[in-house]
Amino acid sequence: PNQYQMIVQRTRSIYDNMKQNHPFLTSSEDSGFAALL
């Protein structure tokens, strides 16, 4: 639980990088993969 905030922020950062590389392919379904990463 003490890592939740950090992991949420990291999830968004990874998602943003995915979106930057593939703006048309990356969508909400990729948020789960971003969280796992």
PDB file of all heavy atoms in Angstrom:
ATOM      1  N   PRO A   1       0.794  -1.237   0.000  1.00  0.00           N
ATOM      2  CA  PRO A   1       0.000   0.000   0.000  1.00  0.00           C
ATOM      3  C   PRO A   1       0.825   1.286   0.000  1.00  0.00           C
ATOM      4  O   PRO A   1       0.441   2.271  -0.623  1.00  0.00           O
ATOM      5  CB  PRO A   1      -0.836  -0.111   1.281  1.00  0.00           C
ATOM      6  CG  PRO A   1      -0.995  -1.591   1.473  1.00  0.00           C
ATOM      7  CD  PRO A   1       0.310  -2.191   1.012  1.00  0.00           C
ATOM      8  N   ASN A   2       2.003   1.267   0.642  1.00  0.00           N
ATOM      9  CA  ASN A   2       2.827   2.485   0.666  1.00  0.00           C
ATOM     10  C   ASN A   2       3.487   2.777  -0.682  1.00  0.00           C
ATOM     11  O   ASN A   2       4.115   3.817  -0.861  1.00  0.00           O
ATOM     12  CB  ASN A   2       3.874   2.428   1.789  1.00  0.00           C
ATOM     13  CG  ASN A   2       4.830   1.255   1.639  1.00  0.00           C
ATOM     14  OD1 ASN A   2       4.723   0.450   0.716  1.00  0.00           O
ATOM     15  ND2 ASN A   2       5.769   1.160   2.561  1.00  0.00           N
ATOM     16  N   GLN A   3       3.347   1.841  -1.643  1.00  0.00           N
ATOM     17  CA  GLN A   3       3.906   2.042  -2.986  1.00  0.00           C
ATOM     18  C   GLN A   3       2.848   2.473  -4.003  1.00  0.00           C
ATOM     19  O   GLN A   3       3.192   2.789  -5.138  1.00  0.00           O
ATOM     20  CB  GLN A   3       4.529   0.730  -3.505  1.00  0.00           C
ATOM     21  CG  GLN A   3       5.743   0.257  -2.733  1.00  0.00           C
ATOM     22  CD  GLN A   3       6.264  -1.041  -3.332  1.00  0.00           C
ATOM     23  OE1 GLN A   3       5.519  -2.003  -3.491  1.00  0.00           O
ATOM     24  NE2 GLN A   3       7.537  -1.054  -3.679  1.00  0.00           N
ATOM     25  N   TYR A   4       1.592   2.462  -3.609  1.00  0.00           N
ATOM     26  CA  TYR A   4       0.513   2.704  -4.572  1.00  0.00           C
ATOM     27  C   TYR A   4       0.695   3.993  -5.364  1.00  0.00           C
ATOM     28  O   TYR A   4       0.609   4.002  -6.586  1.00  0.00           O
ATOM     29  CB  TYR A   4      -0.852   2.740  -3.873  1.00  0.00           C
ATOM     30  CG  TYR A   4      -1.354   1.407  -3.356  1.00  0.00           C
ATOM     31  CD1 TYR A   4      -2.424   1.349  -2.467  1.00  0.00           C
ATOM     32  CD2 TYR A   4      -0.770   0.199  -3.739  1.00  0.00           C
ATOM     33  CE1 TYR A   4      -2.907   0.141  -1.985  1.00  0.00           C
ATOM     34  CE2 TYR A   4      -1.236  -1.016  -3.249  1.00  0.00           C
ATOM     35  CZ  TYR A   4      -2.315  -1.037  -2.372  1.00  0.00           C
ATOM     36  OH  TYR A   4      -2.790  -2.230  -1.896  1.00  0.00           O
ATOM     37  N   GLN A   5       0.965   5.104  -4.666  1.00  0.00           N
ATOM     38  CA  GLN A   5       1.064   6.395  -5.351  1.00  0.00           C
ATOM     39  C   GLN A   5       2.214   6.405  -6.351  1.00  0.00           C
ATOM     40  O   GLN A   5       2.071   6.877  -7.482  1.00  0.00           O
ATOM     41  CB  GLN A   5       1.240   7.532  -4.332  1.00  0.00           C
ATOM     42  CG  GLN A   5       1.179   8.933  -4.931  1.00  0.00           C
ATOM     43  CD  GLN A   5      -0.159   9.234  -5.607  1.00  0.00           C
ATOM     44  OE1 GLN A   5      -1.219   9.004  -5.033  1.00  0.00           O
ATOM     45  NE2 GLN A   5      -0.120   9.747  -6.829  1.00  0.00           N
ATOM     46  N   MET A   6       3.345   5.860  -5.947  1.00  0.00           N
ATOM     47  CA  MET A   6       4.518   5.822  -6.826  1.00  0.00           C
ATOM     48  C   MET A   6       4.230   4.973  -8.066  1.00  0.00           C
ATOM     49  O   MET A   6       4.575   5.344  -9.191  1.00  0.00           O
ATOM     50  CB  MET A   6       5.715   5.261  -6.048  1.00  0.00           C
ATOM     51  CG  MET A   6       6.997   5.126  -6.863  1.00  0.00           C
ATOM     52  SD  MET A   6       7.179   3.515  -7.704  1.00  0.00           S
ATOM     53  CE  MET A   6       7.471   2.427  -6.320  1.00  0.00           C
ATOM     54  N   ILE A   7       3.566   3.848  -7.880  1.00  0.00           N
ATOM     55  CA  ILE A   7       3.282   2.952  -9.014  1.00  0.00           C
ATOM     56  C   ILE A   7       2.250   3.575  -9.946  1.00  0.00           C
ATOM     57  O   ILE A   7       2.354   3.435 -11.166  1.00  0.00           O
ATOM     58  CB  ILE A   7       2.852   1.562  -8.502  1.00  0.00           C
ATOM     59  CG1 ILE A   7       4.042   0.954  -7.810  1.00  0.00           C
ATOM     60  CG2 ILE A   7       2.308   0.701  -9.634  1.00  0.00           C
ATOM     61  CD1 ILE A   7       4.199  -0.409  -7.532  1.00  0.00           C
ATOM     62  N   VAL A   8       1.279   4.266  -9.380  1.00  0.00           N
ATOM     63  CA  VAL A   8       0.292   4.970 -10.223  1.00  0.00           C
ATOM     64  C   VAL A   8       1.002   6.002 -11.100  1.00  0.00           C
ATOM     65  O   VAL A   8       0.750   6.095 -12.308  1.00  0.00           O
ATOM     66  CB  VAL A   8      -0.803   5.625  -9.347  1.00  0.00           C
ATOM     67  CG1 VAL A   8      -1.623   6.641 -10.138  1.00  0.00           C
ATOM     68  CG2 VAL A   8      -1.725   4.560  -8.762  1.00  0.00           C
ATOM     69  N   GLN A   9       1.908   6.776 -10.510  1.00  0.00           N
ATOM     70  CA  GLN A   9       2.659   7.789 -11.271  1.00  0.00           C
ATOM     71  C   GLN A   9       3.522   7.129 -12.354  1.00  0.00           C
ATOM     72  O   GLN A   9       3.599   7.608 -13.479  1.00  0.00           O
ATOM     73  CB  GLN A   9       3.565   8.597 -10.323  1.00  0.00           C
ATOM     74  CG  GLN A   9       2.829   9.413  -9.289  1.00  0.00           C
ATOM     75  CD  GLN A   9       2.131  10.633  -9.882  1.00  0.00           C
ATOM     76  OE1 GLN A   9       2.412  11.048 -10.995  1.00  0.00           O
ATOM     77  NE2 GLN A   9       1.190  11.194  -9.137  1.00  0.00           N
ATOM     78  N   ARG A  10       4.163   6.036 -11.995  1.00  0.00           N
ATOM     79  CA  ARG A  10       5.016   5.307 -12.950  1.00  0.00           C
ATOM     80  C   ARG A  10       4.165   4.711 -14.080  1.00  0.00           C
ATOM     81  O   ARG A  10       4.591   4.693 -15.233  1.00  0.00           O
ATOM     82  CB  ARG A  10       5.774   4.215 -12.184  1.00  0.00           C
ATOM     83  CG  ARG A  10       6.887   3.535 -12.965  1.00  0.00           C
ATOM     84  CD  ARG A  10       7.790   2.777 -11.994  1.00  0.00           C
ATOM     85  NE  ARG A  10       8.085   1.424 -12.401  1.00  0.00           N
ATOM     86  CZ  ARG A  10       9.099   1.073 -13.167  1.00  0.00           C
ATOM     87  NH1 ARG A  10       9.937   1.981 -13.634  1.00  0.00           N
ATOM     88  NH2 ARG A  10       9.310  -0.198 -13.480  1.00  0.00           N
ATOM     89  N   THR A  11       2.974   4.251 -13.742  1.00  0.00           N
ATOM     90  CA  THR A  11       2.047   3.721 -14.755  1.00  0.00           C
ATOM     91  C   THR A  11       1.739   4.796 -15.795  1.00  0.00           C
ATOM     92  O   THR A  11       1.789   4.543 -17.008  1.00  0.00           O
ATOM     93  CB  THR A  11       0.737   3.232 -14.095  1.00  0.00           C
ATOM     94  OG1 THR A  11       1.034   2.172 -13.176  1.00  0.00           O
ATOM     95  CG2 THR A  11      -0.264   2.734 -15.128  1.00  0.00           C
ATOM     96  N   ARG A  12       1.469   6.012 -15.313  1.00  0.00           N
ATOM     97  CA  ARG A  12       1.158   7.103 -16.246  1.00  0.00           C
ATOM     98  C   ARG A  12       2.370   7.456 -17.110  1.00  0.00           C
ATOM     99  O   ARG A  12       2.243   7.709 -18.305  1.00  0.00           O
ATOM    100  CB  ARG A  12       0.693   8.350 -15.479  1.00  0.00           C
ATOM    101  CG  ARG A  12       0.297   9.521 -16.371  1.00  0.00           C
ATOM    102  CD  ARG A  12      -0.953   9.191 -17.172  1.00  0.00           C
ATOM    103  NE  ARG A  12      -0.884   9.702 -18.521  1.00  0.00           N
ATOM    104  CZ  ARG A  12      -1.928   9.831 -19.334  1.00  0.00           C
ATOM    105  NH1 ARG A  12      -3.131   9.493 -18.929  1.00  0.00           N
ATOM    106  NH2 ARG A  12      -1.786  10.281 -20.543  1.00  0.00           N
ATOM    107  N   SER A  13       3.535   7.462 -16.499  1.00  0.00           N
ATOM    108  CA  SER A  13       4.759   7.796 -17.234  1.00  0.00           C
ATOM    109  C   SER A  13       5.027   6.776 -18.352  1.00  0.00           C
ATOM    110  O   SER A  13       5.350   7.147 -19.480  1.00  0.00           O
ATOM    111  CB  SER A  13       5.939   7.855 -16.257  1.00  0.00           C
ATOM    112  OG  SER A  13       7.134   8.099 -16.942  1.00  0.00           O
ATOM    113  N   ILE A  14       4.871   5.497 -18.026  1.00  0.00           N
ATOM    114  CA  ILE A  14       5.076   4.447 -19.032  1.00  0.00           C
ATOM    115  C   ILE A  14       4.022   4.562 -20.129  1.00  0.00           C
ATOM    116  O   ILE A  14       4.334   4.439 -21.320  1.00  0.00           O
ATOM    117  CB  ILE A  14       5.058   3.050 -18.360  1.00  0.00           C
ATOM    118  CG1 ILE A  14       6.320   2.882 -17.496  1.00  0.00           C
ATOM    119  CG2 ILE A  14       4.950   1.933 -19.397  1.00  0.00           C
ATOM    120  CD1 ILE A  14       6.305   1.677 -16.583  1.00  0.00           C
ATOM    121  N   TYR A  15       2.794   4.812 -19.738  1.00  0.00           N
ATOM    122  CA  TYR A  15       1.711   4.970 -20.721  1.00  0.00           C
ATOM    123  C   TYR A  15       2.007   6.138 -21.664  1.00  0.00           C
ATOM    124  O   TYR A  15       1.811   6.032 -22.881  1.00  0.00           O
ATOM    125  CB  TYR A  15       0.378   5.187 -19.994  1.00  0.00           C
ATOM    126  CG  TYR A  15      -0.791   5.348 -20.922  1.00  0.00           C
ATOM    127  CD1 TYR A  15      -1.491   4.232 -21.391  1.00  0.00           C
ATOM    128  CD2 TYR A  15      -1.206   6.606 -21.342  1.00  0.00           C
ATOM    129  CE1 TYR A  15      -2.571   4.382 -22.250  1.00  0.00           C
ATOM    130  CE2 TYR A  15      -2.281   6.755 -22.200  1.00  0.00           C
ATOM    131  CZ  TYR A  15      -2.958   5.638 -22.655  1.00  0.00           C
ATOM    132  OH  TYR A  15      -4.031   5.788 -23.509  1.00  0.00           O
ATOM    133  N   ASP A  16       2.490   7.250 -21.111  1.00  0.00           N
ATOM    134  CA  ASP A  16       2.824   8.425 -21.940  1.00  0.00           C
ATOM    135  C   ASP A  16       3.900   8.080 -22.962  1.00  0.00           C
ATOM    136  O   ASP A  16       3.850   8.543 -24.114  1.00  0.00           O
ATOM    137  CB  ASP A  16       3.286   9.597 -21.063  1.00  0.00           C
ATOM    138  CG  ASP A  16       2.125  10.247 -20.309  1.00  0.00           C
ATOM    139  OD1 ASP A  16       0.959  10.046 -20.722  1.00  0.00           O
ATOM    140  OD2 ASP A  16       2.385  10.944 -19.318  1.00  0.00           O
ATOM    141  N   ASN A  17       4.887   7.286 -22.554  1.00  0.00           N
ATOM    142  CA  ASN A  17       5.935   6.851 -23.484  1.00  0.00           C
ATOM    143  C   ASN A  17       5.377   5.940 -24.574  1.00  0.00           C
ATOM    144  O   ASN A  17       5.771   6.043 -25.732  1.00  0.00           O
ATOM    145  CB  ASN A  17       7.058   6.145 -22.720  1.00  0.00           C
ATOM    146  CG  ASN A  17       8.042   7.128 -22.133  1.00  0.00           C
ATOM    147  OD1 ASN A  17       8.696   7.881 -22.842  1.00  0.00           O
ATOM    148  ND2 ASN A  17       8.133   7.149 -20.814  1.00  0.00           N
ATOM    149  N   MET A  18       4.463   5.059 -24.191  1.00  0.00           N
ATOM    150  CA  MET A  18       3.787   4.207 -25.185  1.00  0.00           C
ATOM    151  C   MET A  18       3.052   5.079 -26.206  1.00  0.00           C
ATOM    152  O   MET A  18       3.131   4.852 -27.414  1.00  0.00           O
ATOM    153  CB  MET A  18       2.747   3.299 -24.504  1.00  0.00           C
ATOM    154  CG  MET A  18       3.279   2.191 -23.650  1.00  0.00           C
ATOM    155  SD  MET A  18       1.851   1.354 -22.883  1.00  0.00           S
ATOM    156  CE  MET A  18       2.657   0.039 -22.005  1.00  0.00           C
ATOM    157  N   LYS A  19       2.349   6.070 -25.679  1.00  0.00           N
ATOM    158  CA  LYS A  19       1.541   6.966 -26.521  1.00  0.00           C
ATOM    159  C   LYS A  19       2.434   7.790 -27.448  1.00  0.00           C
ATOM    160  O   LYS A  19       2.084   8.037 -28.606  1.00  0.00           O
ATOM    161  CB  LYS A  19       0.709   7.892 -25.624  1.00  0.00           C
ATOM    162  CG  LYS A  19      -0.354   8.690 -26.330  1.00  0.00           C
ATOM    163  CD  LYS A  19      -1.623   7.890 -26.446  1.00  0.00           C
ATOM    164  CE  LYS A  19      -2.743   8.750 -27.005  1.00  0.00           C
ATOM    165  NZ  LYS A  19      -3.844   7.922 -27.536  1.00  0.00           N
ATOM    166  N   GLN A  20       3.575   8.196 -26.933  1.00  0.00           N
ATOM    167  CA  GLN A  20       4.506   8.987 -27.744  1.00  0.00           C
ATOM    168  C   GLN A  20       5.028   8.165 -28.927  1.00  0.00           C
ATOM    169  O   GLN A  20       5.148   8.669 -30.034  1.00  0.00           O
ATOM    170  CB  GLN A  20       5.674   9.460 -26.868  1.00  0.00           C
ATOM    171  CG  GLN A  20       6.597  10.435 -27.572  1.00  0.00           C
ATOM    172  CD  GLN A  20       7.679  10.970 -26.639  1.00  0.00           C
ATOM    173  OE1 GLN A  20       7.633  10.761 -25.429  1.00  0.00           O
ATOM    174  NE2 GLN A  20       8.651  11.653 -27.196  1.00  0.00           N
ATOM    175  N   ASN A  21       5.311   6.884 -28.674  1.00  0.00           N
ATOM    176  CA  ASN A  21       5.819   6.013 -29.730  1.00  0.00           C
ATOM    177  C   ASN A  21       4.735   5.553 -30.702  1.00  0.00           C
ATOM    178  O   ASN A  21       5.002   5.357 -31.882  1.00  0.00           O
ATOM    179  CB  ASN A  21       6.508   4.786 -29.122  1.00  0.00           C
ATOM    180  CG  ASN A  21       7.825   5.140 -28.473  1.00  0.00           C
ATOM    181  OD1 ASN A  21       8.476   6.111 -28.833  1.00  0.00           O
ATOM    182  ND2 ASN A  21       8.226   4.352 -27.488  1.00  0.00           N
ATOM    183  N   HIS A  22       3.509   5.375 -30.174  1.00  0.00           N
ATOM    184  CA  HIS A  22       2.411   4.868 -31.012  1.00  0.00           C
ATOM    185  C   HIS A  22       1.115   5.623 -30.683  1.00  0.00           C
ATOM    186  O   HIS A  22       0.217   5.069 -30.041  1.00  0.00           O
ATOM    187  CB  HIS A  22       2.220   3.367 -30.785  1.00  0.00           C
ATOM    188  CG  HIS A  22       3.427   2.565 -31.114  1.00  0.00           C
ATOM    189  ND1 HIS A  22       3.788   2.251 -32.407  1.00  0.00           N
ATOM    190  CD2 HIS A  22       4.386   2.026 -30.314  1.00  0.00           C
ATOM    191  CE1 HIS A  22       4.903   1.546 -32.390  1.00  0.00           C
ATOM    192  NE2 HIS A  22       5.294   1.408 -31.143  1.00  0.00           N
ATOM    193  N   PRO A  23       1.015   6.878 -31.121  1.00  0.00           N
ATOM    194  CA  PRO A  23      -0.141   7.706 -30.740  1.00  0.00           C
ATOM    195  C   PRO A  23      -1.486   7.153 -31.196  1.00  0.00           C
ATOM    196  O   PRO A  23      -2.498   7.355 -30.513  1.00  0.00           O
ATOM    197  CB  PRO A  23       0.160   9.062 -31.381  1.00  0.00           C
ATOM    198  CG  PRO A  23       1.219   8.811 -32.392  1.00  0.00           C
ATOM    199  CD  PRO A  23       1.964   7.608 -31.960  1.00  0.00           C
ATOM    200  N   PHE A  24      -1.526   6.465 -32.318  1.00  0.00           N
ATOM    201  CA  PHE A  24      -2.805   5.973 -32.830  1.00  0.00           C
ATOM    202  C   PHE A  24      -3.154   4.576 -32.320  1.00  0.00           C
ATOM    203  O   PHE A  24      -4.311   4.177 -32.338  1.00  0.00           O
ATOM    204  CB  PHE A  24      -2.820   5.996 -34.369  1.00  0.00           C
ATOM    205  CG  PHE A  24      -2.636   7.379 -34.931  1.00  0.00           C
ATOM    206  CD1 PHE A  24      -1.465   7.723 -35.602  1.00  0.00           C
ATOM    207  CD2 PHE A  24      -3.603   8.348 -34.759  1.00  0.00           C
ATOM    208  CE1 PHE A  24      -1.288   9.000 -36.100  1.00  0.00           C
ATOM    209  CE2 PHE A  24      -3.435   9.625 -35.249  1.00  0.00           C
ATOM    210  CZ  PHE A  24      -2.274   9.956 -35.928  1.00  0.00           C
ATOM    211  N   LEU A  25      -2.158   3.841 -31.870  1.00  0.00           N
ATOM    212  CA  LEU A  25      -2.401   2.482 -31.375  1.00  0.00           C
ATOM    213  C   LEU A  25      -2.673   2.450 -29.877  1.00  0.00           C
ATOM    214  O   LEU A  25      -3.410   1.601 -29.397  1.00  0.00           O
ATOM    215  CB  LEU A  25      -1.192   1.581 -31.670  1.00  0.00           C
ATOM    216  CG  LEU A  25      -0.886   1.259 -33.132  1.00  0.00           C
ATOM    217  CD1 LEU A  25       0.353   0.381 -33.228  1.00  0.00           C
ATOM    218  CD2 LEU A  25      -2.069   0.569 -33.803  1.00  0.00           C
ATOM    219  N   THR A  26      -2.071   3.356 -29.132  1.00  0.00           N
ATOM    220  CA  THR A  26      -2.176   3.334 -27.679  1.00  0.00           C
ATOM    221  C   THR A  26      -3.514   3.913 -27.235  1.00  0.00           C
ATOM    222  O   THR A  26      -3.887   5.014 -27.615  1.00  0.00           O
ATOM    223  CB  THR A  26      -1.017   4.132 -27.041  1.00  0.00           C
ATOM    224  OG1 THR A  26       0.222   3.623 -27.546  1.00  0.00           O
ATOM    225  CG2 THR A  26      -1.027   3.994 -25.528  1.00  0.00           C
ATOM    226  N   SER A  27      -4.232   3.119 -26.423  1.00  0.00           N
ATOM    227  CA  SER A  27      -5.544   3.560 -25.922  1.00  0.00           C
ATOM    228  C   SER A  27      -5.729   3.065 -24.494  1.00  0.00           C
ATOM    229  O   SER A  27      -4.800   2.504 -23.899  1.00  0.00           O
ATOM    230  CB  SER A  27      -6.656   3.028 -26.834  1.00  0.00           C
ATOM    231  OG  SER A  27      -6.634   1.620 -26.826  1.00  0.00           O
ATOM    232  N   SER A  28      -6.927   3.230 -23.947  1.00  0.00           N
ATOM    233  CA  SER A  28      -7.178   2.892 -22.541  1.00  0.00           C
ATOM    234  C   SER A  28      -6.860   1.434 -22.216  1.00  0.00           C
ATOM    235  O   SER A  28      -6.486   1.114 -21.088  1.00  0.00           O
ATOM    236  CB  SER A  28      -8.627   3.209 -22.171  1.00  0.00           C
ATOM    237  OG  SER A  28      -9.515   2.510 -23.019  1.00  0.00           O
ATOM    238  N   GLU A  29      -6.979   0.540 -23.202  1.00  0.00           N
ATOM    239  CA  GLU A  29      -6.696  -0.871 -22.933  1.00  0.00           C
ATOM    240  C   GLU A  29      -5.231  -1.099 -22.565  1.00  0.00           C
ATOM    241  O   GLU A  29      -4.895  -2.097 -21.929  1.00  0.00           O
ATOM    242  CB  GLU A  29      -7.080  -1.742 -24.125  1.00  0.00           C
ATOM    243  CG  GLU A  29      -6.257  -1.504 -25.365  1.00  0.00           C
ATOM    244  CD  GLU A  29      -6.848  -2.161 -26.603  1.00  0.00           C
ATOM    245  OE1 GLU A  29      -7.917  -1.725 -27.042  1.00  0.00           O
ATOM    246  OE2 GLU A  29      -6.216  -3.103 -27.115  1.00  0.00           O
ATOM    247  N   ASP A  30      -4.356  -0.172 -22.939  1.00  0.00           N
ATOM    248  CA  ASP A  30      -2.929  -0.307 -22.634  1.00  0.00           C
ATOM    249  C   ASP A  30      -2.584   0.113 -21.208  1.00  0.00           C
ATOM    250  O   ASP A  30      -1.447  -0.094 -20.770  1.00  0.00           O
ATOM    251  CB  ASP A  30      -2.105   0.497 -23.637  1.00  0.00           C
ATOM    252  CG  ASP A  30      -2.227  -0.069 -25.048  1.00  0.00           C
ATOM    253  OD1 ASP A  30      -1.836  -1.230 -25.251  1.00  0.00           O
ATOM    254  OD2 ASP A  30      -2.733   0.644 -25.935  1.00  0.00           O
ATOM    255  N   SER A  31      -3.547   0.697 -20.496  1.00  0.00           N
ATOM    256  CA  SER A  31      -3.272   1.104 -19.115  1.00  0.00           C
ATOM    257  C   SER A  31      -2.935  -0.091 -18.233  1.00  0.00           C
ATOM    258  O   SER A  31      -2.116  -0.001 -17.324  1.00  0.00           O
ATOM    259  CB  SER A  31      -4.450   1.890 -18.529  1.00  0.00           C
ATOM    260  OG  SER A  31      -5.630   1.104 -18.529  1.00  0.00           O
ATOM    261  N   GLY A  32      -3.574  -1.245 -18.501  1.00  0.00           N
ATOM    262  CA  GLY A  32      -3.279  -2.456 -17.733  1.00  0.00           C
ATOM    263  C   GLY A  32      -1.852  -2.929 -17.942  1.00  0.00           C
ATOM    264  O   GLY A  32      -1.159  -3.307 -16.989  1.00  0.00           O
ATOM    265  N   PHE A  33      -1.393  -2.886 -19.205  1.00  0.00           N
ATOM    266  CA  PHE A  33      -0.005  -3.265 -19.501  1.00  0.00           C
ATOM    267  C   PHE A  33       0.959  -2.276 -18.850  1.00  0.00           C
ATOM    268  O   PHE A  33       2.001  -2.668 -18.328  1.00  0.00           O
ATOM    269  CB  PHE A  33       0.236  -3.306 -21.007  1.00  0.00           C
ATOM    270  CG  PHE A  33      -0.437  -4.452 -21.708  1.00  0.00           C
ATOM    271  CD1 PHE A  33      -1.391  -4.218 -22.672  1.00  0.00           C
ATOM    272  CD2 PHE A  33      -0.116  -5.767 -21.395  1.00  0.00           C
ATOM    273  CE1 PHE A  33      -2.018  -5.272 -23.326  1.00  0.00           C
ATOM    274  CE2 PHE A  33      -0.725  -6.829 -22.038  1.00  0.00           C
ATOM    275  CZ  PHE A  33      -1.688  -6.579 -23.012  1.00  0.00           C
ATOM    276  N   ALA A  34       0.618  -0.993 -18.909  1.00  0.00           N
ATOM    277  CA  ALA A  34       1.472   0.030 -18.292  1.00  0.00           C
ATOM    278  C   ALA A  34       1.607  -0.220 -16.790  1.00  0.00           C
ATOM    279  O   ALA A  34       2.693  -0.080 -16.216  1.00  0.00           O
ATOM    280  CB  ALA A  34       0.911   1.429 -18.561  1.00  0.00           C
ATOM    281  N   ALA A  35       0.491  -0.631 -16.154  1.00  0.00           N
ATOM    282  CA  ALA A  35       0.529  -0.924 -14.717  1.00  0.00           C
ATOM    283  C   ALA A  35       1.426  -2.120 -14.427  1.00  0.00           C
ATOM    284  O   ALA A  35       2.218  -2.099 -13.480  1.00  0.00           O
ATOM    285  CB  ALA A  35      -0.883  -1.177 -14.192  1.00  0.00           C
ATOM    286  N   LEU A  36       1.316  -3.166 -15.240  1.00  0.00           N
ATOM    287  CA  LEU A  36       2.162  -4.354 -15.037  1.00  0.00           C
ATOM    288  C   LEU A  36       3.640  -4.015 -15.204  1.00  0.00           C
ATOM    289  O   LEU A  36       4.491  -4.495 -14.449  1.00  0.00           O
ATOM    290  CB  LEU A  36       1.756  -5.465 -15.999  1.00  0.00           C
ATOM    291  CG  LEU A  36       0.418  -6.140 -15.712  1.00  0.00           C
ATOM    292  CD1 LEU A  36       0.046  -7.103 -16.823  1.00  0.00           C
ATOM    293  CD2 LEU A  36       0.439  -6.866 -14.363  1.00  0.00           C
ATOM    294  N   LEU A  37       3.947  -3.175 -16.195  1.00  0.00           N
ATOM    295  CA  LEU A  37       5.338  -2.746 -16.393  1.00  0.00           C
ATOM    296  C   LEU A  37       5.800  -1.876 -15.227  1.00  0.00           C
ATOM    297  O   LEU A  37       6.941  -1.974 -14.787  1.00  0.00           O
ATOM    298  CB  LEU A  37       5.475  -2.005 -17.725  1.00  0.00           C
ATOM    299  CG  LEU A  37       5.407  -2.908 -18.957  1.00  0.00           C
ATOM    300  CD1 LEU A  37       5.039  -2.101 -20.206  1.00  0.00           C
ATOM    301  CD2 LEU A  37       6.728  -3.636 -19.166  1.00  0.00           C
TER     302      LEU A  37
END
